[in-house]
Amino acid sequence: MLRSLREREAGVRRGANVEFFGDISRLCLKTKLEGHRGCVNALSFNEAGTLALSGSDDTTVRVWHTSTLREAHEVVTGHSRN
């Protein structure tokens, strides 16, 4: 049942080959992406892991190249809620 709950939380489709590595015990900062002027509230990656998308309190969404850690595009959304 625990595996089923984890798969549902991760958005895994039924029958997909998934491997869980357990809980993360510690995190550390590897690098800082410069660009947002507010708190980042959302971060997502494309399926290939080549792009990252971040949303911030500065009312922008930014696309980043994960290989160079440089900003690829900025979208001013004007959003007002997290």
Protein backbone atom coordinates (compact mmCIF):
# COMPACT_ATOMS: atom_id res chain seq x y z
CA MET A 1 0.00 0.00 0.00
CA LEU A 2 2.86 2.41 0.80
CA ARG A 3 4.28 1.95 -2.72
CA SER A 4 0.85 2.68 -4.18
CA LEU A 5 0.59 5.91 -2.19
CA ARG A 6 4.09 7.01 -3.24
CA GLU A 7 3.34 6.30 -6.89
CA ARG A 8 0.11 8.27 -6.70
CA GLU A 9 1.88 11.19 -5.01
CA ALA A 10 4.61 11.14 -7.67
CA GLY A 11 2.06 11.02 -10.48
CA VAL A 12 3.28 7.65 -11.72
CA ARG A 13 1.13 5.82 -14.24
CA ARG A 14 0.07 2.27 -13.50
CA GLY A 15 2.59 -0.21 -14.90
CA ALA A 16 5.45 2.32 -15.10
CA ASN A 17 8.89 1.14 -14.01
CA VAL A 18 9.64 3.20 -10.89
CA GLU A 19 12.36 2.85 -8.29
CA PHE A 20 12.13 4.65 -4.94
CA PHE A 21 15.30 5.47 -3.05
CA GLY A 22 13.70 6.13 0.32
CA ASP A 23 13.50 9.37 2.23
CA ILE A 24 15.98 12.18 1.72
CA SER A 25 17.91 12.67 4.94
CA ARG A 26 19.76 15.85 3.99
CA LEU A 27 19.91 18.47 1.28
CA CYS A 28 22.61 20.97 0.42
CA LEU A 29 22.79 23.92 -1.93
CA LYS A 30 24.79 23.08 -5.06
CA THR A 31 24.24 26.32 -6.96
CA LYS A 32 21.97 29.34 -7.02
CA LEU A 33 20.13 30.40 -10.14
CA GLU A 34 20.23 34.18 -10.43
CA GLY A 35 17.17 35.92 -11.86
CA HIS A 36 14.08 35.92 -9.67
CA ARG A 37 13.51 38.93 -7.43
CA GLY A 38 11.13 37.11 -5.12
CA CYS A 39 10.60 33.82 -3.35
CA VAL A 40 10.43 30.80 -5.69
CA ASN A 41 7.28 28.83 -4.96
CA ALA A 42 7.32 26.23 -7.73
CA LEU A 43 9.96 24.26 -9.61
CA SER A 44 9.44 21.64 -12.29
CA PHE A 45 11.58 19.84 -14.86
CA ASN A 46 10.82 18.60 -18.36
CA GLU A 47 10.81 14.83 -18.87
CA ALA A 48 14.35 14.81 -20.29
CA GLY A 49 15.69 16.92 -17.41
CA THR A 50 17.19 19.48 -19.79
CA LEU A 51 14.94 22.37 -18.75
CA ALA A 52 13.69 23.65 -15.42
CA LEU A 53 10.70 25.93 -14.92
CA SER A 54 10.41 28.13 -11.84
CA GLY A 55 7.58 30.36 -10.62
CA SER A 56 8.15 33.20 -8.17
CA ASP A 57 6.50 35.90 -6.07
CA ASP A 58 8.07 38.40 -8.50
CA THR A 59 5.18 37.44 -10.87
CA THR A 60 7.44 35.72 -13.39
CA VAL A 61 7.92 32.20 -14.63
CA ARG A 62 11.42 31.42 -15.88
CA VAL A 63 12.79 28.62 -18.02
CA TRP A 64 16.36 27.48 -17.30
CA HIS A 65 18.81 25.29 -19.22
CA THR A 66 19.92 22.68 -16.68
CA SER A 67 23.21 22.03 -18.47
CA THR A 68 24.42 25.65 -18.31
CA LEU A 69 22.23 26.87 -15.41
CA ARG A 70 21.42 29.94 -17.50
CA GLU A 71 18.00 31.47 -18.00
CA ALA A 72 16.46 30.63 -21.37
CA HIS A 73 13.25 32.64 -21.12
CA GLU A 74 11.24 34.85 -18.76
CA VAL A 75 7.46 35.16 -18.84
CA VAL A 76 5.85 38.01 -16.88
CA THR A 77 2.59 36.43 -15.81
CA GLY A 78 1.36 39.07 -13.39
CA HIS A 79 -0.02 36.27 -11.19
CA SER A 80 -1.04 37.30 -7.69
CA ARG A 81 -1.26 34.04 -5.78
CA ASN A 82 1.10 31.16 -5.12
